[in-house]
Amino acid sequence: MLVKDGVIQKMFIEPEVEGDPFEVSDADTMLDYINPKAARPASVCIFTLPGCPHCARAKALLKEKGITFEEIVLMQDATYTSLRAITGQDTTPQVFVGGKLIGDDDALEAYLRSR
């Protein structure tokens, strides 16, 4: 619900269905209600490898900019076969922004500078 100065302005009530679908009470619905013209940030995904200094640098660059991201850890969440199939590369990190392959940590740094 949206409450202003202790007064309920709007309630987002979920339909009675099995599970926990979050069809109308999720954060995106609330944000759309408050500001329907606001642009949503692009989703960011990064393929990493444990102990990789370039991966650590890429994650630090994203965190410095306050960009949230999903991390896919090779040999834990995915394999090199998956990395090559999705990115065409076999090195880490590989960063995607809004579904577009940006590339490694240097490419990410250049991308962030250009924004």
PDB file of N, CA and C in Angstrom:
ATOM      1  N   MET A   1       0.832  -1.182   0.000  1.00  0.00           N
ATOM      2  CA  MET A   1       0.000   0.000   0.000  1.00  0.00           C
ATOM      3  C   MET A   1       0.872   1.239   0.000  1.00  0.00           C
ATOM      4  N   LEU A   2       0.318   2.317  -0.502  1.00  0.00           N
ATOM      5  CA  LEU A   2       0.990   3.607  -0.504  1.00  0.00           C
ATOM      6  C   LEU A   2       0.358   4.439   0.602  1.00  0.00           C
ATOM      7  N   VAL A   3       1.185   4.890   1.541  1.00  0.00           N
ATOM      8  CA  VAL A   3       0.711   5.671   2.678  1.00  0.00           C
ATOM      9  C   VAL A   3       1.447   7.004   2.688  1.00  0.00           C
ATOM     10  N   LYS A   4       0.694   8.095   2.776  1.00  0.00           N
ATOM     11  CA  LYS A   4       1.272   9.438   2.883  1.00  0.00           C
ATOM     12  C   LYS A   4       0.741  10.089   4.148  1.00  0.00           C
ATOM     13  N   ASP A   5       1.642  10.529   5.001  1.00  0.00           N
ATOM     14  CA  ASP A   5       1.281  11.188   6.253  1.00  0.00           C
ATOM     15  C   ASP A   5       0.265  10.377   7.052  1.00  0.00           C
ATOM     16  N   GLY A   6       0.453   9.060   7.075  1.00  0.00           N
ATOM     17  CA  GLY A   6      -0.413   8.181   7.862  1.00  0.00           C
ATOM     18  C   GLY A   6      -1.746   7.871   7.218  1.00  0.00           C
ATOM     19  N   VAL A   7      -1.977   8.337   5.986  1.00  0.00           N
ATOM     20  CA  VAL A   7      -3.241   8.106   5.289  1.00  0.00           C
ATOM     21  C   VAL A   7      -2.983   7.185   4.098  1.00  0.00           C
ATOM     22  N   ILE A   8      -3.783   6.119   4.001  1.00  0.00           N
ATOM     23  CA  ILE A   8      -3.652   5.182   2.884  1.00  0.00           C
ATOM     24  C   ILE A   8      -4.132   5.865   1.610  1.00  0.00           C
ATOM     25  N   GLN A   9      -3.223   5.960   0.629  1.00  0.00           N
ATOM     26  CA  GLN A   9      -3.538   6.570  -0.658  1.00  0.00           C
ATOM     27  C   GLN A   9      -3.988   5.531  -1.687  1.00  0.00           C
ATOM     28  N   LYS A  10      -3.381   4.356  -1.623  1.00  0.00           N
ATOM     29  CA  LYS A  10      -3.677   3.314  -2.613  1.00  0.00           C
ATOM     30  C   LYS A  10      -3.286   1.970  -2.036  1.00  0.00           C
ATOM     31  N   MET A  11      -4.139   0.969  -2.248  1.00  0.00           N
ATOM     32  CA  MET A  11      -3.824  -0.398  -1.824  1.00  0.00           C
ATOM     33  C   MET A  11      -3.690  -1.274  -3.064  1.00  0.00           C
ATOM     34  N   PHE A  12      -2.670  -2.102  -3.059  1.00  0.00           N
ATOM     35  CA  PHE A  12      -2.426  -3.041  -4.145  1.00  0.00           C
ATOM     36  C   PHE A  12      -2.679  -4.433  -3.575  1.00  0.00           C
ATOM     37  N   ILE A  13      -3.850  -4.978  -3.836  1.00  0.00           N
ATOM     38  CA  ILE A  13      -4.267  -6.239  -3.221  1.00  0.00           C
ATOM     39  C   ILE A  13      -4.120  -7.372  -4.229  1.00  0.00           C
ATOM     40  N   GLU A  14      -3.389  -8.389  -3.808  1.00  0.00           N
ATOM     41  CA  GLU A  14      -3.151  -9.546  -4.675  1.00  0.00           C
ATOM     42  C   GLU A  14      -4.435 -10.361  -4.845  1.00  0.00           C
ATOM     43  N   PRO A  15      -4.623 -10.936  -6.035  1.00  0.00           N
ATOM     44  CA  PRO A  15      -5.771 -11.834  -6.242  1.00  0.00           C
ATOM     45  C   PRO A  15      -5.570 -13.128  -5.454  1.00  0.00           C
ATOM     46  N   GLU A  16      -6.651 -13.798  -5.168  1.00  0.00           N
ATOM     47  CA  GLU A  16      -6.606 -15.065  -4.435  1.00  0.00           C
ATOM     48  C   GLU A  16      -6.227 -16.192  -5.391  1.00  0.00           C
ATOM     49  N   VAL A  17      -4.923 -16.449  -5.499  1.00  0.00           N
ATOM     50  CA  VAL A  17      -4.430 -17.545  -6.323  1.00  0.00           C
ATOM     51  C   VAL A  17      -3.377 -18.297  -5.533  1.00  0.00           C
ATOM     52  N   GLU A  18      -3.121 -19.537  -5.953  1.00  0.00           N
ATOM     53  CA  GLU A  18      -2.119 -20.355  -5.274  1.00  0.00           C
ATOM     54  C   GLU A  18      -0.731 -19.780  -5.459  1.00  0.00           C
ATOM     55  N   GLY A  19       0.118 -19.970  -4.464  1.00  0.00           N
ATOM     56  CA  GLY A  19       1.496 -19.509  -4.552  1.00  0.00           C
ATOM     57  C   GLY A  19       1.623 -18.060  -4.122  1.00  0.00           C
ATOM     58  N   ASP A  20       2.686 -17.453  -4.555  1.00  0.00           N
ATOM     59  CA  ASP A  20       2.966 -16.061  -4.192  1.00  0.00           C
ATOM     60  C   ASP A  20       3.358 -15.311  -5.453  1.00  0.00           C
ATOM     61  N   PRO A  21       2.362 -14.960  -6.306  1.00  0.00           N
ATOM     62  CA  PRO A  21       2.667 -14.448  -7.639  1.00  0.00           C
ATOM     63  C   PRO A  21       3.161 -12.997  -7.697  1.00  0.00           C
ATOM     64  N   PHE A  22       2.914 -12.201  -6.685  1.00  0.00           N
ATOM     65  CA  PHE A  22       3.278 -10.783  -6.702  1.00  0.00           C
ATOM     66  C   PHE A  22       2.869 -10.137  -8.028  1.00  0.00           C
ATOM     67  N   GLU A  23       1.600 -10.190  -8.322  1.00  0.00           N
ATOM     68  CA  GLU A  23       1.110  -9.606  -9.571  1.00  0.00           C
ATOM     69  C   GLU A  23       0.899  -8.106  -9.469  1.00  0.00           C
ATOM     70  N   VAL A  24       0.477  -7.617  -8.302  1.00  0.00           N
ATOM     71  CA  VAL A  24       0.197  -6.187  -8.162  1.00  0.00           C
ATOM     72  C   VAL A  24       0.844  -5.545  -6.936  1.00  0.00           C
ATOM     73  N   SER A  25       1.459  -6.321  -6.068  1.00  0.00           N
ATOM     74  CA  SER A  25       2.045  -5.727  -4.860  1.00  0.00           C
ATOM     75  C   SER A  25       3.570  -5.718  -4.897  1.00  0.00           C
ATOM     76  N   ASP A  26       4.142  -5.881  -6.073  1.00  0.00           N
ATOM     77  CA  ASP A  26       5.596  -5.863  -6.214  1.00  0.00           C
ATOM     78  C   ASP A  26       6.102  -4.427  -6.314  1.00  0.00           C
ATOM     79  N   ALA A  27       7.391  -4.257  -6.174  1.00  0.00           N
ATOM     80  CA  ALA A  27       7.990  -2.925  -6.190  1.00  0.00           C
ATOM     81  C   ALA A  27       7.780  -2.220  -7.531  1.00  0.00           C
ATOM     82  N   ASP A  28       7.865  -2.949  -8.640  1.00  0.00           N
ATOM     83  CA  ASP A  28       7.700  -2.315  -9.953  1.00  0.00           C
ATOM     84  C   ASP A  28       6.304  -1.720 -10.116  1.00  0.00           C
ATOM     85  N   THR A  29       5.287  -2.418  -9.627  1.00  0.00           N
ATOM     86  CA  THR A  29       3.921  -1.893  -9.702  1.00  0.00           C
ATOM     87  C   THR A  29       3.806  -0.604  -8.898  1.00  0.00           C
ATOM     88  N   MET A  30       4.389  -0.587  -7.699  1.00  0.00           N
ATOM     89  CA  MET A  30       4.354   0.608  -6.859  1.00  0.00           C
ATOM     90  C   MET A  30       5.079   1.760  -7.537  1.00  0.00           C
ATOM     91  N   LEU A  31       6.267   1.502  -8.073  1.00  0.00           N
ATOM     92  CA  LEU A  31       7.032   2.554  -8.732  1.00  0.00           C
ATOM     93  C   LEU A  31       6.300   3.080  -9.963  1.00  0.00           C
ATOM     94  N   ASP A  32       5.679   2.190 -10.728  1.00  0.00           N
ATOM     95  CA  ASP A  32       4.903   2.620 -11.898  1.00  0.00           C
ATOM     96  C   ASP A  32       3.730   3.503 -11.482  1.00  0.00           C
ATOM     97  N   TYR A  33       3.116   3.189 -10.356  1.00  0.00           N
ATOM     98  CA  TYR A  33       1.997   3.987  -9.866  1.00  0.00           C
ATOM     99  C   TYR A  33       2.473   5.380  -9.435  1.00  0.00           C
ATOM    100  N   ILE A  34       3.603   5.425  -8.727  1.00  0.00           N
ATOM    101  CA  ILE A  34       4.127   6.695  -8.234  1.00  0.00           C
ATOM    102  C   ILE A  34       4.624   7.572  -9.384  1.00  0.00           C
ATOM    103  N   ASN A  35       5.332   6.973 -10.332  1.00  0.00           N
ATOM    104  CA  ASN A  35       5.879   7.736 -11.456  1.00  0.00           C
ATOM    105  C   ASN A  35       5.860   6.871 -12.717  1.00  0.00           C
ATOM    106  N   PRO A  36       4.744   6.863 -13.435  1.00  0.00           N
ATOM    107  CA  PRO A  36       4.617   5.990 -14.608  1.00  0.00           C
ATOM    108  C   PRO A  36       5.566   6.348 -15.750  1.00  0.00           C
ATOM    109  N   LYS A  37       6.134   7.552 -15.751  1.00  0.00           N
ATOM    110  CA  LYS A  37       7.040   7.958 -16.821  1.00  0.00           C
ATOM    111  C   LYS A  37       8.501   7.664 -16.513  1.00  0.00           C
ATOM    112  N   ALA A  38       8.780   7.170 -15.323  1.00  0.00           N
ATOM    113  CA  ALA A  38      10.172   6.893 -14.928  1.00  0.00           C
ATOM    114  C   ALA A  38      10.735   5.748 -15.759  1.00  0.00           C
ATOM    115  N   ALA A  39      11.990   5.906 -16.153  1.00  0.00           N
ATOM    116  CA  ALA A  39      12.672   4.856 -16.916  1.00  0.00           C
ATOM    117  C   ALA A  39      13.284   3.845 -15.946  1.00  0.00           C
ATOM    118  N   ARG A  40      13.067   2.605 -16.218  1.00  0.00           N
ATOM    119  CA  ARG A  40      13.650   1.553 -15.381  1.00  0.00           C
ATOM    120  C   ARG A  40      15.094   1.322 -15.787  1.00  0.00           C
ATOM    121  N   PRO A  41      15.938   1.018 -14.823  1.00  0.00           N
ATOM    122  CA  PRO A  41      17.329   0.725 -15.178  1.00  0.00           C
ATOM    123  C   PRO A  41      17.416  -0.578 -15.970  1.00  0.00           C
ATOM    124  N   ALA A  42      18.383  -0.628 -16.861  1.00  0.00           N
ATOM    125  CA  ALA A  42      18.596  -1.844 -17.649  1.00  0.00           C
ATOM    126  C   ALA A  42      19.109  -2.955 -16.742  1.00  0.00           C
ATOM    127  N   SER A  43      18.701  -4.170 -17.028  1.00  0.00           N
ATOM    128  CA  SER A  43      19.193  -5.302 -16.248  1.00  0.00           C
ATOM    129  C   SER A  43      20.654  -5.558 -16.615  1.00  0.00           C
ATOM    130  N   VAL A  44      21.439  -5.922 -15.608  1.00  0.00           N
ATOM    131  CA  VAL A  44      22.863  -6.168 -15.799  1.00  0.00           C
ATOM    132  C   VAL A  44      23.182  -7.573 -15.298  1.00  0.00           C
ATOM    133  N   CYS A  45      23.906  -8.307 -16.102  1.00  0.00           N
ATOM    134  CA  CYS A  45      24.312  -9.667 -15.763  1.00  0.00           C
ATOM    135  C   CYS A  45      25.805  -9.799 -16.048  1.00  0.00           C
ATOM    136  N   ILE A  46      26.517 -10.475 -15.160  1.00  0.00           N
ATOM    137  CA  ILE A  46      27.954 -10.634 -15.339  1.00  0.00           C
ATOM    138  C   ILE A  46      28.353 -12.086 -15.099  1.00  0.00           C
ATOM    139  N   PHE A  47      29.072 -12.644 -16.061  1.00  0.00           N
ATOM    140  CA  PHE A  47      29.666 -13.973 -15.906  1.00  0.00           C
ATOM    141  C   PHE A  47      31.020 -13.780 -15.240  1.00  0.00           C
ATOM    142  N   THR A  48      31.252 -14.498 -14.142  1.00  0.00           N
ATOM    143  CA  THR A  48      32.512 -14.366 -13.410  1.00  0.00           C
ATOM    144  C   THR A  48      33.115 -15.736 -13.126  1.00  0.00           C
ATOM    145  N   LEU A  49      34.353 -15.697 -12.682  1.00  0.00           N
ATOM    146  CA  LEU A  49      35.072 -16.900 -12.254  1.00  0.00           C
ATOM    147  C   LEU A  49      35.679 -16.591 -10.895  1.00  0.00           C
ATOM    148  N   PRO A  50      35.503 -17.466  -9.902  1.00  0.00           N
ATOM    149  CA  PRO A  50      36.080 -17.208  -8.585  1.00  0.00           C
ATOM    150  C   PRO A  50      37.584 -16.952  -8.669  1.00  0.00           C
ATOM    151  N   GLY A  51      38.051 -15.932  -7.960  1.00  0.00           N
ATOM    152  CA  GLY A  51      39.469 -15.600  -7.912  1.00  0.00           C
ATOM    153  C   GLY A  51      39.967 -14.769  -9.081  1.00  0.00           C
ATOM    154  N   CYS A  52      39.116 -14.457 -10.031  1.00  0.00           N
ATOM    155  CA  CYS A  52      39.507 -13.685 -11.219  1.00  0.00           C
ATOM    156  C   CYS A  52      39.607 -12.201 -10.860  1.00  0.00           C
ATOM    157  N   PRO A  53      40.804 -11.611 -10.977  1.00  0.00           N
ATOM    158  CA  PRO A  53      40.950 -10.195 -10.629  1.00  0.00           C
ATOM    159  C   PRO A  53      40.180  -9.268 -11.569  1.00  0.00           C
ATOM    160  N   HIS A  54      40.024  -9.659 -12.832  1.00  0.00           N
ATOM    161  CA  HIS A  54      39.273  -8.840 -13.782  1.00  0.00           C
ATOM    162  C   HIS A  54      37.781  -8.846 -13.431  1.00  0.00           C
ATOM    163  N   CYS A  55      37.313 -10.004 -12.942  1.00  0.00           N
ATOM    164  CA  CYS A  55      35.919 -10.109 -12.507  1.00  0.00           C
ATOM    165  C   CYS A  55      35.683  -9.215 -11.293  1.00  0.00           C
ATOM    166  N   ALA A  56      36.624  -9.247 -10.350  1.00  0.00           N
ATOM    167  CA  ALA A  56      36.518  -8.407  -9.157  1.00  0.00           C
ATOM    168  C   ALA A  56      36.487  -6.936  -9.561  1.00  0.00           C
ATOM    169  N   ARG A  57      37.312  -6.563 -10.535  1.00  0.00           N
ATOM    170  CA  ARG A  57      37.345  -5.174 -11.005  1.00  0.00           C
ATOM    171  C   ARG A  57      36.012  -4.788 -11.641  1.00  0.00           C
ATOM    172  N   ALA A  58      35.458  -5.658 -12.471  1.00  0.00           N
ATOM    173  CA  ALA A  58      34.178  -5.365 -13.128  1.00  0.00           C
ATOM    174  C   ALA A  58      33.071  -5.199 -12.094  1.00  0.00           C
ATOM    175  N   LYS A  59      33.031  -6.079 -11.106  1.00  0.00           N
ATOM    176  CA  LYS A  59      32.015  -5.960 -10.058  1.00  0.00           C
ATOM    177  C   LYS A  59      32.202  -4.673  -9.270  1.00  0.00           C
ATOM    178  N   ALA A  60      33.450  -4.292  -9.000  1.00  0.00           N
ATOM    179  CA  ALA A  60      33.717  -3.047  -8.278  1.00  0.00           C
ATOM    180  C   ALA A  60      33.263  -1.835  -9.093  1.00  0.00           C
ATOM    181  N   LEU A  61      33.493  -1.852 -10.405  1.00  0.00           N
ATOM    182  CA  LEU A  61      33.049  -0.761 -11.269  1.00  0.00           C
ATOM    183  C   LEU A  61      31.531  -0.602 -11.209  1.00  0.00           C
ATOM    184  N   LEU A  62      30.823  -1.720 -11.258  1.00  0.00           N
ATOM    185  CA  LEU A  62      29.362  -1.680 -11.188  1.00  0.00           C
ATOM    186  C   LEU A  62      28.896  -1.163  -9.829  1.00  0.00           C
ATOM    187  N   LYS A  63      29.521  -1.650  -8.776  1.00  0.00           N
ATOM    188  CA  LYS A  63      29.136  -1.217  -7.423  1.00  0.00           C
ATOM    189  C   LYS A  63      29.419   0.265  -7.214  1.00  0.00           C
ATOM    190  N   GLU A  64      30.549   0.763  -7.740  1.00  0.00           N
ATOM    191  CA  GLU A  64      30.882   2.192  -7.626  1.00  0.00           C
ATOM    192  C   GLU A  64      29.797   3.069  -8.231  1.00  0.00           C
ATOM    193  N   LYS A  65      29.186   2.585  -9.303  1.00  0.00           N
ATOM    194  CA  LYS A  65      28.132   3.338  -9.995  1.00  0.00           C
ATOM    195  C   LYS A  65      26.746   3.065  -9.402  1.00  0.00           C
ATOM    196  N   GLY A  66      26.697   2.193  -8.381  1.00  0.00           N
ATOM    197  CA  GLY A  66      25.416   1.859  -7.763  1.00  0.00           C
ATOM    198  C   GLY A  66      24.534   1.008  -8.646  1.00  0.00           C
ATOM    199  N   ILE A  67      25.147   0.251  -9.531  1.00  0.00           N
ATOM    200  CA  ILE A  67      24.399  -0.595 -10.468  1.00  0.00           C
ATOM    201  C   ILE A  67      24.262  -1.993  -9.879  1.00  0.00           C
ATOM    202  N   THR A  68      23.042  -2.433  -9.720  1.00  0.00           N
ATOM    203  CA  THR A  68      22.816  -3.795  -9.247  1.00  0.00           C
ATOM    204  C   THR A  68      22.970  -4.747 -10.422  1.00  0.00           C
ATOM    205  N   PHE A  69      23.399  -5.954 -10.119  1.00  0.00           N
ATOM    206  CA  PHE A  69      23.649  -6.920 -11.187  1.00  0.00           C
ATOM    207  C   PHE A  69      23.413  -8.334 -10.681  1.00  0.00           C
ATOM    208  N   GLU A  70      23.159  -9.208 -11.647  1.00  0.00           N
ATOM    209  CA  GLU A  70      23.074 -10.632 -11.364  1.00  0.00           C
ATOM    210  C   GLU A  70      24.414 -11.233 -11.757  1.00  0.00           C
ATOM    211  N   GLU A  71      24.962 -12.039 -10.879  1.00  0.00           N
ATOM    212  CA  GLU A  71      26.250 -12.674 -11.142  1.00  0.00           C
ATOM    213  C   GLU A  71      26.040 -14.149 -11.448  1.00  0.00           C
ATOM    214  N   ILE A  72      26.605 -14.599 -12.547  1.00  0.00           N
ATOM    215  CA  ILE A  72      26.601 -16.011 -12.906  1.00  0.00           C
ATOM    216  C   ILE A  72      28.037 -16.493 -12.754  1.00  0.00           C
ATOM    217  N   VAL A  73      28.247 -17.360 -11.780  1.00  0.00           N
ATOM    218  CA  VAL A  73      29.592 -17.823 -11.446  1.00  0.00           C
ATOM    219  C   VAL A  73      29.898 -19.102 -12.221  1.00  0.00           C
ATOM    220  N   LEU A  74      30.956 -19.041 -13.038  1.00  0.00           N
ATOM    221  CA  LEU A  74      31.359 -20.223 -13.795  1.00  0.00           C
ATOM    222  C   LEU A  74      31.800 -21.321 -12.849  1.00  0.00           C
ATOM    223  N   MET A  75      31.522 -22.537 -13.231  1.00  0.00           N
ATOM    224  CA  MET A  75      31.818 -23.751 -12.492  1.00  0.00           C
ATOM    225  C   MET A  75      30.918 -23.901 -11.260  1.00  0.00           C
ATOM    226  N   GLN A  76      30.001 -22.967 -11.081  1.00  0.00           N
ATOM    227  CA  GLN A  76      29.013 -23.075 -10.008  1.00  0.00           C
ATOM    228  C   GLN A  76      27.611 -22.969 -10.606  1.00  0.00           C
ATOM    229  N   ASP A  77      27.361 -21.889 -11.347  1.00  0.00           N
ATOM    230  CA  ASP A  77      26.055 -21.650 -11.959  1.00  0.00           C
ATOM    231  C   ASP A  77      26.016 -22.003 -13.441  1.00  0.00           C
ATOM    232  N   ALA A  78      27.190 -22.033 -14.069  1.00  0.00           N
ATOM    233  CA  ALA A  78      27.272 -22.273 -15.513  1.00  0.00           C
ATOM    234  C   ALA A  78      28.643 -22.848 -15.840  1.00  0.00           C
ATOM    235  N   THR A  79      28.792 -23.328 -17.067  1.00  0.00           N
ATOM    236  CA  THR A  79      30.064 -23.893 -17.522  1.00  0.00           C
ATOM    237  C   THR A  79      30.663 -23.008 -18.609  1.00  0.00           C
ATOM    238  N   TYR A  80      31.900 -23.294 -18.974  1.00  0.00           N
ATOM    239  CA  TYR A  80      32.535 -22.562 -20.080  1.00  0.00           C
ATOM    240  C   TYR A  80      31.781 -22.790 -21.381  1.00  0.00           C
ATOM    241  N   THR A  81      31.176 -23.956 -21.529  1.00  0.00           N
ATOM    242  CA  THR A  81      30.376 -24.221 -22.724  1.00  0.00           C
ATOM    243  C   THR A  81      29.227 -23.226 -22.799  1.00  0.00           C
ATOM    244  N   SER A  82      28.559 -22.988 -21.675  1.00  0.00           N
ATOM    245  CA  SER A  82      27.467 -22.006 -21.633  1.00  0.00           C
ATOM    246  C   SER A  82      27.987 -20.613 -21.931  1.00  0.00           C
ATOM    247  N   LEU A  83      29.126 -20.255 -21.325  1.00  0.00           N
ATOM    248  CA  LEU A  83      29.718 -18.935 -21.554  1.00  0.00           C
ATOM    249  C   LEU A  83      29.990 -18.713 -23.038  1.00  0.00           C
ATOM    250  N   ARG A  84      30.623 -19.686 -23.692  1.00  0.00           N
ATOM    251  CA  ARG A  84      30.926 -19.566 -25.123  1.00  0.00           C
ATOM    252  C   ARG A  84      29.649 -19.509 -25.966  1.00  0.00           C
ATOM    253  N   ALA A  85      28.664 -20.327 -25.606  1.00  0.00           N
ATOM    254  CA  ALA A  85      27.417 -20.365 -26.371  1.00  0.00           C
ATOM    255  C   ALA A  85      26.666 -19.044 -26.286  1.00  0.00           C
ATOM    256  N   ILE A  86      26.714 -18.405 -25.121  1.00  0.00           N
ATOM    257  CA  ILE A  86      25.955 -17.173 -24.910  1.00  0.00           C
ATOM    258  C   ILE A  86      26.714 -15.940 -25.362  1.00  0.00           C
ATOM    259  N   THR A  87      28.026 -15.893 -25.090  1.00  0.00           N
ATOM    260  CA  THR A  87      28.795 -14.674 -25.349  1.00  0.00           C
ATOM    261  C   THR A  87      29.700 -14.764 -26.573  1.00  0.00           C
ATOM    262  N   GLY A  88      30.012 -15.977 -26.999  1.00  0.00           N
ATOM    263  CA  GLY A  88      30.989 -16.147 -28.066  1.00  0.00           C
ATOM    264  C   GLY A  88      32.423 -15.982 -27.570  1.00  0.00           C
ATOM    265  N   GLN A  89      32.588 -15.825 -26.268  1.00  0.00           N
ATOM    266  CA  GLN A  89      33.896 -15.626 -25.643  1.00  0.00           C
ATOM    267  C   GLN A  89      34.175 -16.762 -24.661  1.00  0.00           C
ATOM    268  N   ASP A  90      35.445 -16.920 -24.302  1.00  0.00           N
ATOM    269  CA  ASP A  90      35.758 -17.915 -23.274  1.00  0.00           C
ATOM    270  C   ASP A  90      36.644 -17.329 -22.185  1.00  0.00           C
ATOM    271  N   THR A  91      36.529 -16.008 -21.995  1.00  0.00           N
ATOM    272  CA  THR A  91      37.247 -15.345 -20.915  1.00  0.00           C
ATOM    273  C   THR A  91      36.241 -14.650 -20.002  1.00  0.00           C
ATOM    274  N   THR A  92      36.670 -14.401 -18.788  1.00  0.00           N
ATOM    275  CA  THR A  92      35.820 -13.700 -17.839  1.00  0.00           C
ATOM    276  C   THR A  92      36.504 -12.425 -17.402  1.00  0.00           C
ATOM    277  N   PRO A  93      35.708 -11.444 -17.011  1.00  0.00           N
ATOM    278  CA  PRO A  93      34.249 -11.427 -16.963  1.00  0.00           C
ATOM    279  C   PRO A  93      33.657 -11.155 -18.348  1.00  0.00           C
ATOM    280  N   GLN A  94      32.382 -11.420 -18.467  1.00  0.00           N
ATOM    281  CA  GLN A  94      31.596 -11.016 -19.622  1.00  0.00           C
ATOM    282  C   GLN A  94      30.341 -10.355 -19.067  1.00  0.00           C
ATOM    283  N   VAL A  95      30.126  -9.108 -19.448  1.00  0.00           N
ATOM    284  CA  VAL A  95      29.046  -8.299 -18.881  1.00  0.00           C
ATOM    285  C   VAL A  95      27.992  -8.014 -19.943  1.00  0.00           C
ATOM    286  N   PHE A  96      26.744  -8.167 -19.551  1.00  0.00           N
ATOM    287  CA  PHE A  96      25.597  -7.810 -20.387  1.00  0.00           C
ATOM    288  C   PHE A  96      24.849  -6.674 -19.714  1.00  0.00           C
ATOM    289  N   VAL A  97      24.430  -5.685 -20.503  1.00  0.00           N
ATOM    290  CA  VAL A  97      23.584  -4.605 -20.007  1.00  0.00           C
ATOM    291  C   VAL A  97      22.372  -4.526 -20.922  1.00  0.00           C
ATOM    292  N   GLY A  98      21.202  -4.688 -20.340  1.00  0.00           N
ATOM    293  CA  GLY A  98      19.982  -4.644 -21.136  1.00  0.00           C
ATOM    294  C   GLY A  98      19.942  -5.678 -22.234  1.00  0.00           C
ATOM    295  N   GLY A  99      20.565  -6.832 -22.001  1.00  0.00           N
ATOM    296  CA  GLY A  99      20.583  -7.910 -22.975  1.00  0.00           C
ATOM    297  C   GLY A  99      21.671  -7.786 -24.027  1.00  0.00           C
ATOM    298  N   LYS A 100      22.443  -6.699 -23.987  1.00  0.00           N
ATOM    299  CA  LYS A 100      23.510  -6.481 -24.971  1.00  0.00           C
ATOM    300  C   LYS A 100      24.859  -6.819 -24.341  1.00  0.00           C
ATOM    301  N   LEU A 101      25.663  -7.598 -25.069  1.00  0.00           N
ATOM    302  CA  LEU A 101      26.992  -7.946 -24.579  1.00  0.00           C
ATOM    303  C   LEU A 101      27.888  -6.718 -24.624  1.00  0.00           C
ATOM    304  N   ILE A 102      28.403  -6.336 -23.465  1.00  0.00           N
ATOM    305  CA  ILE A 102      29.350  -5.224 -23.360  1.00  0.00           C
ATOM    306  C   ILE A 102      30.764  -5.766 -23.481  1.00  0.00           C
ATOM    307  N   GLY A 103      31.046  -6.872 -22.776  1.00  0.00           N
ATOM    308  CA  GLY A 103      32.354  -7.505 -22.860  1.00  0.00           C
ATOM    309  C   GLY A 103      33.040  -7.602 -21.512  1.00  0.00           C
ATOM    310  N   ASP A 104      34.364  -7.469 -21.527  1.00  0.00           N
ATOM    311  CA  ASP A 104      35.159  -7.669 -20.315  1.00  0.00           C
ATOM    312  C   ASP A 104      35.202  -6.408 -19.449  1.00  0.00           C
ATOM    313  N   ASP A 105      36.081  -6.392 -18.449  1.00  0.00           N
ATOM    314  CA  ASP A 105      36.140  -5.268 -17.517  1.00  0.00           C
ATOM    315  C   ASP A 105      36.585  -3.978 -18.201  1.00  0.00           C
ATOM    316  N   ASP A 106      37.499  -4.059 -19.160  1.00  0.00           N
ATOM    317  CA  ASP A 106      37.918  -2.853 -19.881  1.00  0.00           C
ATOM    318  C   ASP A 106      36.765  -2.298 -20.720  1.00  0.00           C
ATOM    319  N   ALA A 107      36.037  -3.183 -21.377  1.00  0.00           N
ATOM    320  CA  ALA A 107      34.883  -2.757 -22.178  1.00  0.00           C
ATOM    321  C   ALA A 107      33.806  -2.158 -21.274  1.00  0.00           C
ATOM    322  N   LEU A 108      33.630  -2.739 -20.105  1.00  0.00           N
ATOM    323  CA  LEU A 108      32.657  -2.208 -19.153  1.00  0.00           C
ATOM    324  C   LEU A 108      33.064  -0.809 -18.699  1.00  0.00           C
ATOM    325  N   GLU A 109      34.343  -0.637 -18.404  1.00  0.00           N
ATOM    326  CA  GLU A 109      34.819   0.681 -17.978  1.00  0.00           C
ATOM    327  C   GLU A 109      34.551   1.725 -19.068  1.00  0.00           C
ATOM    328  N   ALA A 110      34.842   1.385 -20.308  1.00  0.00           N
ATOM    329  CA  ALA A 110      34.597   2.302 -21.426  1.00  0.00           C
ATOM    330  C   ALA A 110      33.103   2.591 -21.570  1.00  0.00           C
ATOM    331  N   TYR A 111      32.282   1.570 -21.431  1.00  0.00           N
ATOM    332  CA  TYR A 111      30.834   1.725 -21.517  1.00  0.00           C
ATOM    333  C   TYR A 111      30.340   2.677 -20.426  1.00  0.00           C
ATOM    334  N   LEU A 112      30.793   2.476 -19.204  1.00  0.00           N
ATOM    335  CA  LEU A 112      30.360   3.321 -18.094  1.00  0.00           C
ATOM    336  C   LEU A 112      30.827   4.764 -18.263  1.00  0.00           C
ATOM    337  N   ARG A 113      32.010   4.956 -18.817  1.00  0.00           N
ATOM    338  CA  ARG A 113      32.508   6.314 -19.064  1.00  0.00           C
ATOM    339  C   ARG A 113      31.674   7.034 -20.111  1.00  0.00           C
ATOM    340  N   SER A 114      31.146   6.293 -21.076  1.00  0.00           N
ATOM    341  CA  SER A 114      30.397   6.892 -22.181  1.00  0.00           C
ATOM    342  C   SER A 114      28.960   7.259 -21.793  1.00  0.00           C
ATOM    343  N   ARG A 115      28.523   6.832 -20.649  1.00  0.00           N
ATOM    344  CA  ARG A 115      27.144   7.101 -20.224  1.00  0.00           C
ATOM    345  C   ARG A 115      27.014   8.433 -19.553  1.00  0.00           C
TER     346      ARG A 115
END
